[in-house]
Amino acid sequence: MAAGAGVVRPAYRRIVLKLSGEALAGSQGYGIDPQVLERIAIEVRDVTTLGVQVAIVIGGGNIFRGIARARAAWSARPPTTWACSRR
């Protein structure tokens, strides 16, 4: 953006926004916090009005398992899962 020009020119025409389930939970610590979702929606709307195309990817594991269970499941993953994921 040129200094003092008054025109906002985005650096990118397309972006990918990756949101974690934990981020969507907000202060609740689980599920989807409506206030967090509304704030993100407003920010995405503002970016799209600049002509930027936004792709949104949401990680839903924590939403379905719960944050505490997700952390426990990650640390207790069986060795066969690790072996498969390395290939």
PDB file of N, CA and C in Angstrom:
ATOM      1  N   MET A   1       0.841  -1.168   0.000  1.00  0.00           N
ATOM      2  CA  MET A   1       0.000   0.000   0.000  1.00  0.00           C
ATOM      3  C   MET A   1       0.888   1.234   0.000  1.00  0.00           C
ATOM      4  N   ALA A   2       0.621   2.149  -0.858  1.00  0.00           N
ATOM      5  CA  ALA A   2       1.397   3.387  -0.930  1.00  0.00           C
ATOM      6  C   ALA A   2       1.030   4.286   0.245  1.00  0.00           C
ATOM      7  N   ALA A   3       2.031   4.867   0.863  1.00  0.00           N
ATOM      8  CA  ALA A   3       1.803   5.720   2.023  1.00  0.00           C
ATOM      9  C   ALA A   3       0.992   6.943   1.624  1.00  0.00           C
ATOM     10  N   GLY A   4      -0.072   7.186   2.370  1.00  0.00           N
ATOM     11  CA  GLY A   4      -0.880   8.369   2.150  1.00  0.00           C
ATOM     12  C   GLY A   4      -1.817   8.301   0.954  1.00  0.00           C
ATOM     13  N   ALA A   5      -1.857   7.191   0.256  1.00  0.00           N
ATOM     14  CA  ALA A   5      -2.696   7.083  -0.928  1.00  0.00           C
ATOM     15  C   ALA A   5      -4.180   6.961  -0.573  1.00  0.00           C
ATOM     16  N   GLY A   6      -4.477   6.404   0.623  1.00  0.00           N
ATOM     17  CA  GLY A   6      -5.857   6.256   1.040  1.00  0.00           C
ATOM     18  C   GLY A   6      -6.567   5.059   0.432  1.00  0.00           C
ATOM     19  N   VAL A   7      -5.904   4.317  -0.421  1.00  0.00           N
ATOM     20  CA  VAL A   7      -6.494   3.141  -1.053  1.00  0.00           C
ATOM     21  C   VAL A   7      -5.801   1.898  -0.506  1.00  0.00           C
ATOM     22  N   VAL A   8      -6.598   0.981   0.042  1.00  0.00           N
ATOM     23  CA  VAL A   8      -6.037  -0.258   0.568  1.00  0.00           C
ATOM     24  C   VAL A   8      -5.930  -1.261  -0.566  1.00  0.00           C
ATOM     25  N   ARG A   9      -4.715  -1.709  -0.809  1.00  0.00           N
ATOM     26  CA  ARG A   9      -4.477  -2.719  -1.842  1.00  0.00           C
ATOM     27  C   ARG A   9      -3.934  -3.957  -1.158  1.00  0.00           C
ATOM     28  N   PRO A  10      -4.710  -5.023  -1.138  1.00  0.00           N
ATOM     29  CA  PRO A  10      -4.261  -6.244  -0.460  1.00  0.00           C
ATOM     30  C   PRO A  10      -3.008  -6.821  -1.109  1.00  0.00           C
ATOM     31  N   ALA A  11      -2.180  -7.426  -0.284  1.00  0.00           N
ATOM     32  CA  ALA A  11      -0.958  -8.061  -0.788  1.00  0.00           C
ATOM     33  C   ALA A  11      -1.281  -9.343  -1.560  1.00  0.00           C
ATOM     34  N   TYR A  12      -2.407  -9.989  -1.229  1.00  0.00           N
ATOM     35  CA  TYR A  12      -2.793 -11.245  -1.870  1.00  0.00           C
ATOM     36  C   TYR A  12      -4.225 -11.152  -2.386  1.00  0.00           C
ATOM     37  N   ARG A  13      -4.504 -11.868  -3.484  1.00  0.00           N
ATOM     38  CA  ARG A  13      -5.864 -11.926  -4.026  1.00  0.00           C
ATOM     39  C   ARG A  13      -6.655 -13.074  -3.428  1.00  0.00           C
ATOM     40  N   ARG A  14      -5.948 -14.124  -3.011  1.00  0.00           N
ATOM     41  CA  ARG A  14      -6.589 -15.305  -2.428  1.00  0.00           C
ATOM     42  C   ARG A  14      -5.821 -15.714  -1.179  1.00  0.00           C
ATOM     43  N   ILE A  15      -6.570 -16.100  -0.151  1.00  0.00           N
ATOM     44  CA  ILE A  15      -5.925 -16.573   1.073  1.00  0.00           C
ATOM     45  C   ILE A  15      -6.660 -17.803   1.589  1.00  0.00           C
ATOM     46  N   VAL A  16      -5.971 -18.589   2.403  1.00  0.00           N
ATOM     47  CA  VAL A  16      -6.569 -19.711   3.114  1.00  0.00           C
ATOM     48  C   VAL A  16      -6.499 -19.373   4.602  1.00  0.00           C
ATOM     49  N   LEU A  17      -7.633 -19.407   5.250  1.00  0.00           N
ATOM     50  CA  LEU A  17      -7.715 -19.142   6.677  1.00  0.00           C
ATOM     51  C   LEU A  17      -7.965 -20.457   7.387  1.00  0.00           C
ATOM     52  N   LYS A  18      -7.003 -20.917   8.181  1.00  0.00           N
ATOM     53  CA  LYS A  18      -7.124 -22.178   8.923  1.00  0.00           C
ATOM     54  C   LYS A  18      -7.516 -21.848  10.351  1.00  0.00           C
ATOM     55  N   LEU A  19      -8.671 -22.310  10.757  1.00  0.00           N
ATOM     56  CA  LEU A  19      -9.162 -22.086  12.110  1.00  0.00           C
ATOM     57  C   LEU A  19      -9.159 -23.401  12.877  1.00  0.00           C
ATOM     58  N   SER A  20      -8.571 -23.397  14.047  1.00  0.00           N
ATOM     59  CA  SER A  20      -8.580 -24.605  14.861  1.00  0.00           C
ATOM     60  C   SER A  20      -9.883 -24.678  15.647  1.00  0.00           C
ATOM     61  N   GLY A  21     -10.282 -25.865  15.995  1.00  0.00           N
ATOM     62  CA  GLY A  21     -11.465 -26.027  16.833  1.00  0.00           C
ATOM     63  C   GLY A  21     -11.280 -25.346  18.173  1.00  0.00           C
ATOM     64  N   GLU A  22     -10.058 -25.358  18.673  1.00  0.00           N
ATOM     65  CA  GLU A  22      -9.768 -24.724  19.963  1.00  0.00           C
ATOM     66  C   GLU A  22      -9.977 -23.217  19.882  1.00  0.00           C
ATOM     67  N   ALA A  23      -9.609 -22.616  18.766  1.00  0.00           N
ATOM     68  CA  ALA A  23      -9.806 -21.171  18.593  1.00  0.00           C
ATOM     69  C   ALA A  23     -11.294 -20.830  18.550  1.00  0.00           C
ATOM     70  N   LEU A  24     -12.102 -21.677  17.945  1.00  0.00           N
ATOM     71  CA  LEU A  24     -13.537 -21.423  17.860  1.00  0.00           C
ATOM     72  C   LEU A  24     -14.240 -21.571  19.203  1.00  0.00           C
ATOM     73  N   ALA A  25     -13.636 -22.332  20.103  1.00  0.00           N
ATOM     74  CA  ALA A  25     -14.249 -22.553  21.407  1.00  0.00           C
ATOM     75  C   ALA A  25     -14.227 -21.300  22.270  1.00  0.00           C
ATOM     76  N   GLY A  26     -13.274 -20.417  22.024  1.00  0.00           N
ATOM     77  CA  GLY A  26     -13.188 -19.187  22.813  1.00  0.00           C
ATOM     78  C   GLY A  26     -12.971 -19.485  24.275  1.00  0.00           C
ATOM     79  N   SER A  27     -13.617 -18.712  25.133  1.00  0.00           N
ATOM     80  CA  SER A  27     -13.436 -18.876  26.576  1.00  0.00           C
ATOM     81  C   SER A  27     -14.235 -20.053  27.128  1.00  0.00           C
ATOM     82  N   GLN A  28     -15.155 -20.605  26.321  1.00  0.00           N
ATOM     83  CA  GLN A  28     -15.948 -21.760  26.772  1.00  0.00           C
ATOM     84  C   GLN A  28     -15.069 -22.972  26.990  1.00  0.00           C
ATOM     85  N   GLY A  29     -14.064 -23.121  26.119  1.00  0.00           N
ATOM     86  CA  GLY A  29     -13.194 -24.284  26.209  1.00  0.00           C
ATOM     87  C   GLY A  29     -13.724 -25.498  25.466  1.00  0.00           C
ATOM     88  N   TYR A  30     -14.900 -25.406  24.868  1.00  0.00           N
ATOM     89  CA  TYR A  30     -15.468 -26.523  24.102  1.00  0.00           C
ATOM     90  C   TYR A  30     -16.475 -25.972  23.102  1.00  0.00           C
ATOM     91  N   GLY A  31     -16.793 -26.762  22.095  1.00  0.00           N
ATOM     92  CA  GLY A  31     -17.807 -26.377  21.115  1.00  0.00           C
ATOM     93  C   GLY A  31     -17.425 -25.138  20.324  1.00  0.00           C
ATOM     94  N   ILE A  32     -18.439 -24.389  19.920  1.00  0.00           N
ATOM     95  CA  ILE A  32     -18.231 -23.161  19.150  1.00  0.00           C
ATOM     96  C   ILE A  32     -18.856 -22.000  19.915  1.00  0.00           C
ATOM     97  N   ASP A  33     -18.044 -21.007  20.219  1.00  0.00           N
ATOM     98  CA  ASP A  33     -18.513 -19.808  20.916  1.00  0.00           C
ATOM     99  C   ASP A  33     -19.113 -18.862  19.884  1.00  0.00           C
ATOM    100  N   PRO A  34     -20.412 -18.543  19.987  1.00  0.00           N
ATOM    101  CA  PRO A  34     -21.061 -17.682  18.992  1.00  0.00           C
ATOM    102  C   PRO A  34     -20.400 -16.310  18.838  1.00  0.00           C
ATOM    103  N   GLN A  35     -19.897 -15.748  19.920  1.00  0.00           N
ATOM    104  CA  GLN A  35     -19.241 -14.441  19.836  1.00  0.00           C
ATOM    105  C   GLN A  35     -17.949 -14.518  19.037  1.00  0.00           C
ATOM    106  N   VAL A  36     -17.192 -15.580  19.231  1.00  0.00           N
ATOM    107  CA  VAL A  36     -15.955 -15.778  18.465  1.00  0.00           C
ATOM    108  C   VAL A  36     -16.293 -15.956  16.991  1.00  0.00           C
ATOM    109  N   LEU A  37     -17.295 -16.764  16.717  1.00  0.00           N
ATOM    110  CA  LEU A  37     -17.707 -17.013  15.340  1.00  0.00           C
ATOM    111  C   LEU A  37     -18.162 -15.723  14.657  1.00  0.00           C
ATOM    112  N   GLU A  38     -18.914 -14.894  15.374  1.00  0.00           N
ATOM    113  CA  GLU A  38     -19.370 -13.630  14.804  1.00  0.00           C
ATOM    114  C   GLU A  38     -18.190 -12.697  14.501  1.00  0.00           C
ATOM    115  N   ARG A  39     -17.229 -12.625  15.418  1.00  0.00           N
ATOM    116  CA  ARG A  39     -16.060 -11.769  15.201  1.00  0.00           C
ATOM    117  C   ARG A  39     -15.261 -12.212  13.974  1.00  0.00           C
ATOM    118  N   ILE A  40     -15.086 -13.518  13.831  1.00  0.00           N
ATOM    119  CA  ILE A  40     -14.361 -14.046  12.671  1.00  0.00           C
ATOM    120  C   ILE A  40     -15.140 -13.755  11.389  1.00  0.00           C
ATOM    121  N   ALA A  41     -16.458 -13.936  11.429  1.00  0.00           N
ATOM    122  CA  ALA A  41     -17.285 -13.678  10.244  1.00  0.00           C
ATOM    123  C   ALA A  41     -17.186 -12.221   9.807  1.00  0.00           C
ATOM    124  N   ILE A  42     -17.176 -11.316  10.763  1.00  0.00           N
ATOM    125  CA  ILE A  42     -17.050  -9.891  10.430  1.00  0.00           C
ATOM    126  C   ILE A  42     -15.699  -9.602   9.794  1.00  0.00           C
ATOM    127  N   GLU A  43     -14.641 -10.199  10.337  1.00  0.00           N
ATOM    128  CA  GLU A  43     -13.307  -9.978   9.779  1.00  0.00           C
ATOM    129  C   GLU A  43     -13.181 -10.561   8.374  1.00  0.00           C
ATOM    130  N   VAL A  44     -13.771 -11.742   8.152  1.00  0.00           N
ATOM    131  CA  VAL A  44     -13.745 -12.346   6.818  1.00  0.00           C
ATOM    132  C   VAL A  44     -14.538 -11.472   5.851  1.00  0.00           C
ATOM    133  N   ARG A  45     -15.683 -10.986   6.277  1.00  0.00           N
ATOM    134  CA  ARG A  45     -16.478 -10.089   5.433  1.00  0.00           C
ATOM    135  C   ARG A  45     -15.670  -8.853   5.043  1.00  0.00           C
ATOM    136  N   ASP A  46     -14.984  -8.263   6.021  1.00  0.00           N
ATOM    137  CA  ASP A  46     -14.192  -7.071   5.744  1.00  0.00           C
ATOM    138  C   ASP A  46     -13.095  -7.342   4.716  1.00  0.00           C
ATOM    139  N   VAL A  47     -12.468  -8.498   4.818  1.00  0.00           N
ATOM    140  CA  VAL A  47     -11.406  -8.852   3.869  1.00  0.00           C
ATOM    141  C   VAL A  47     -11.992  -9.081   2.478  1.00  0.00           C
ATOM    142  N   THR A  48     -13.141  -9.738   2.417  1.00  0.00           N
ATOM    143  CA  THR A  48     -13.733 -10.006   1.094  1.00  0.00           C
ATOM    144  C   THR A  48     -14.198  -8.725   0.413  1.00  0.00           C
ATOM    145  N   THR A  49     -14.572  -7.708   1.187  1.00  0.00           N
ATOM    146  CA  THR A  49     -14.959  -6.438   0.563  1.00  0.00           C
ATOM    147  C   THR A  49     -13.774  -5.749  -0.104  1.00  0.00           C
ATOM    148  N   LEU A  50     -12.564  -6.174   0.235  1.00  0.00           N
ATOM    149  CA  LEU A  50     -11.363  -5.644  -0.422  1.00  0.00           C
ATOM    150  C   LEU A  50     -11.070  -6.390  -1.725  1.00  0.00           C
ATOM    151  N   GLY A  51     -11.891  -7.408  -2.019  1.00  0.00           N
ATOM    152  CA  GLY A  51     -11.703  -8.179  -3.243  1.00  0.00           C
ATOM    153  C   GLY A  51     -10.864  -9.432  -3.055  1.00  0.00           C
ATOM    154  N   VAL A  52     -10.564  -9.779  -1.819  1.00  0.00           N
ATOM    155  CA  VAL A  52      -9.767 -10.970  -1.534  1.00  0.00           C
ATOM    156  C   VAL A  52     -10.697 -12.179  -1.444  1.00  0.00           C
ATOM    157  N   GLN A  53     -10.326 -13.259  -2.120  1.00  0.00           N
ATOM    158  CA  GLN A  53     -11.076 -14.507  -2.024  1.00  0.00           C
ATOM    159  C   GLN A  53     -10.543 -15.279  -0.824  1.00  0.00           C
ATOM    160  N   VAL A  54     -11.453 -15.750   0.023  1.00  0.00           N
ATOM    161  CA  VAL A  54     -11.070 -16.411   1.264  1.00  0.00           C
ATOM    162  C   VAL A  54     -11.585 -17.849   1.264  1.00  0.00           C
ATOM    163  N   ALA A  55     -10.668 -18.792   1.453  1.00  0.00           N
ATOM    164  CA  ALA A  55     -11.038 -20.189   1.670  1.00  0.00           C
ATOM    165  C   ALA A  55     -10.855 -20.449   3.158  1.00  0.00           C
ATOM    166  N   ILE A  56     -11.846 -21.076   3.779  1.00  0.00           N
ATOM    167  CA  ILE A  56     -11.789 -21.319   5.221  1.00  0.00           C
ATOM    168  C   ILE A  56     -11.715 -22.819   5.473  1.00  0.00           C
ATOM    169  N   VAL A  57     -10.720 -23.212   6.264  1.00  0.00           N
ATOM    170  CA  VAL A  57     -10.545 -24.610   6.663  1.00  0.00           C
ATOM    171  C   VAL A  57     -10.710 -24.647   8.174  1.00  0.00           C
ATOM    172  N   ILE A  58     -11.613 -25.495   8.644  1.00  0.00           N
ATOM    173  CA  ILE A  58     -11.860 -25.596  10.081  1.00  0.00           C
ATOM    174  C   ILE A  58     -11.440 -26.975  10.558  1.00  0.00           C
ATOM    175  N   GLY A  59     -10.580 -26.992  11.567  1.00  0.00           N
ATOM    176  CA  GLY A  59     -10.179 -28.243  12.204  1.00  0.00           C
ATOM    177  C   GLY A  59     -11.234 -28.616  13.227  1.00  0.00           C
ATOM    178  N   GLY A  60     -11.965 -29.676  12.997  1.00  0.00           N
ATOM    179  CA  GLY A  60     -13.093 -30.004  13.860  1.00  0.00           C
ATOM    180  C   GLY A  60     -12.839 -31.063  14.905  1.00  0.00           C
ATOM    181  N   GLY A  61     -11.632 -31.584  14.981  1.00  0.00           N
ATOM    182  CA  GLY A  61     -11.366 -32.664  15.934  1.00  0.00           C
ATOM    183  C   GLY A  61     -11.676 -32.291  17.368  1.00  0.00           C
ATOM    184  N   ASN A  62     -11.258 -31.119  17.776  1.00  0.00           N
ATOM    185  CA  ASN A  62     -11.488 -30.699  19.156  1.00  0.00           C
ATOM    186  C   ASN A  62     -12.962 -30.431  19.430  1.00  0.00           C
ATOM    187  N   ILE A  63     -13.690 -30.040  18.408  1.00  0.00           N
ATOM    188  CA  ILE A  63     -15.117 -29.784  18.593  1.00  0.00           C
ATOM    189  C   ILE A  63     -15.841 -31.087  18.926  1.00  0.00           C
ATOM    190  N   PHE A  64     -15.476 -32.157  18.241  1.00  0.00           N
ATOM    191  CA  PHE A  64     -16.174 -33.418  18.434  1.00  0.00           C
ATOM    192  C   PHE A  64     -15.656 -34.218  19.623  1.00  0.00           C
ATOM    193  N   ARG A  65     -14.365 -34.133  19.901  1.00  0.00           N
ATOM    194  CA  ARG A  65     -13.786 -34.922  20.991  1.00  0.00           C
ATOM    195  C   ARG A  65     -13.738 -34.165  22.302  1.00  0.00           C
ATOM    196  N   GLY A  66     -13.703 -32.874  22.245  1.00  0.00           N
ATOM    197  CA  GLY A  66     -13.480 -32.076  23.452  1.00  0.00           C
ATOM    198  C   GLY A  66     -11.991 -31.833  23.577  1.00  0.00           C
ATOM    199  N   ILE A  67     -11.602 -30.680  24.033  1.00  0.00           N
ATOM    200  CA  ILE A  67     -10.194 -30.306  24.056  1.00  0.00           C
ATOM    201  C   ILE A  67      -9.378 -31.224  24.957  1.00  0.00           C
ATOM    202  N   ALA A  68      -9.863 -31.515  26.144  1.00  0.00           N
ATOM    203  CA  ALA A  68      -9.100 -32.356  27.067  1.00  0.00           C
ATOM    204  C   ALA A  68      -8.905 -33.752  26.493  1.00  0.00           C
ATOM    205  N   ARG A  69      -9.957 -34.306  25.925  1.00  0.00           N
ATOM    206  CA  ARG A  69      -9.846 -35.639  25.338  1.00  0.00           C
ATOM    207  C   ARG A  69      -8.931 -35.627  24.136  1.00  0.00           C
ATOM    208  N   ALA A  70      -8.941 -34.545  23.356  1.00  0.00           N
ATOM    209  CA  ALA A  70      -8.086 -34.463  22.177  1.00  0.00           C
ATOM    210  C   ALA A  70      -6.619 -34.458  22.576  1.00  0.00           C
ATOM    211  N   ARG A  71      -6.292 -33.714  23.612  1.00  0.00           N
ATOM    212  CA  ARG A  71      -4.899 -33.685  24.076  1.00  0.00           C
ATOM    213  C   ARG A  71      -4.477 -35.051  24.579  1.00  0.00           C
ATOM    214  N   ALA A  72      -5.346 -35.725  25.316  1.00  0.00           N
ATOM    215  CA  ALA A  72      -5.030 -37.056  25.824  1.00  0.00           C
ATOM    216  C   ALA A  72      -4.897 -38.055  24.677  1.00  0.00           C
ATOM    217  N   ALA A  73      -5.789 -37.958  23.698  1.00  0.00           N
ATOM    218  CA  ALA A  73      -5.747 -38.881  22.562  1.00  0.00           C
ATOM    219  C   ALA A  73      -4.467 -38.691  21.758  1.00  0.00           C
ATOM    220  N   TRP A  74      -4.027 -37.454  21.628  1.00  0.00           N
ATOM    221  CA  TRP A  74      -2.806 -37.189  20.854  1.00  0.00           C
ATOM    222  C   TRP A  74      -1.592 -37.801  21.542  1.00  0.00           C
ATOM    223  N   SER A  75      -1.507 -37.699  22.859  1.00  0.00           N
ATOM    224  CA  SER A  75      -0.332 -38.218  23.565  1.00  0.00           C
ATOM    225  C   SER A  75      -0.385 -39.731  23.706  1.00  0.00           C
ATOM    226  N   ALA A  76      -1.565 -40.329  23.606  1.00  0.00           N
ATOM    227  CA  ALA A  76      -1.699 -41.778  23.783  1.00  0.00           C
ATOM    228  C   ALA A  76      -1.885 -42.510  22.460  1.00  0.00           C
ATOM    229  N   ARG A  77      -1.530 -41.891  21.364  1.00  0.00           N
ATOM    230  CA  ARG A  77      -1.701 -42.494  20.042  1.00  0.00           C
ATOM    231  C   ARG A  77      -0.836 -43.759  19.931  1.00  0.00           C
ATOM    232  N   PRO A  78      -1.407 -44.843  19.448  1.00  0.00           N
ATOM    233  CA  PRO A  78      -0.623 -46.084  19.354  1.00  0.00           C
ATOM    234  C   PRO A  78       0.523 -45.966  18.342  1.00  0.00           C
ATOM    235  N   PRO A  79       1.595 -46.718  18.567  1.00  0.00           N
ATOM    236  CA  PRO A  79       2.760 -46.660  17.667  1.00  0.00           C
ATOM    237  C   PRO A  79       2.429 -46.981  16.221  1.00  0.00           C
ATOM    238  N   THR A  80       1.432 -47.839  15.972  1.00  0.00           N
ATOM    239  CA  THR A  80       1.093 -48.171  14.582  1.00  0.00           C
ATOM    240  C   THR A  80       0.560 -46.939  13.852  1.00  0.00           C
ATOM    241  N   THR A  81      -0.162 -46.090  14.554  1.00  0.00           N
ATOM    242  CA  THR A  81      -0.662 -44.865  13.928  1.00  0.00           C
ATOM    243  C   THR A  81       0.498 -43.982  13.544  1.00  0.00           C
ATOM    244  N   TRP A  82       1.492 -43.869  14.423  1.00  0.00           N
ATOM    245  CA  TRP A  82       2.669 -43.047  14.113  1.00  0.00           C
ATOM    246  C   TRP A  82       3.402 -43.623  12.901  1.00  0.00           C
ATOM    247  N   ALA A  83       3.524 -44.945  12.857  1.00  0.00           N
ATOM    248  CA  ALA A  83       4.238 -45.568  11.744  1.00  0.00           C
ATOM    249  C   ALA A  83       3.520 -45.301  10.420  1.00  0.00           C
ATOM    250  N   CYS A  84       2.212 -45.362  10.421  1.00  0.00           N
ATOM    251  CA  CYS A  84       1.453 -45.105   9.208  1.00  0.00           C
ATOM    252  C   CYS A  84       1.533 -43.642   8.774  1.00  0.00           C
ATOM    253  N   SER A  85       1.574 -42.755   9.737  1.00  0.00           N
ATOM    254  CA  SER A  85       1.580 -41.329   9.398  1.00  0.00           C
ATOM    255  C   SER A  85       2.933 -40.886   8.838  1.00  0.00           C
ATOM    256  N   ARG A  86       3.991 -41.653   9.058  1.00  0.00           N
ATOM    257  CA  ARG A  86       5.321 -41.279   8.578  1.00  0.00           C
ATOM    258  C   ARG A  86       5.556 -41.676   7.118  1.00  0.00           C
ATOM    259  N   ARG A  87       4.692 -42.480   6.566  1.00  0.00           N
ATOM    260  CA  ARG A  87       4.890 -42.969   5.206  1.00  0.00           C
ATOM    261  C   ARG A  87       4.355 -42.040   4.183  1.00  0.00           C
TER     262      ARG A  87
END
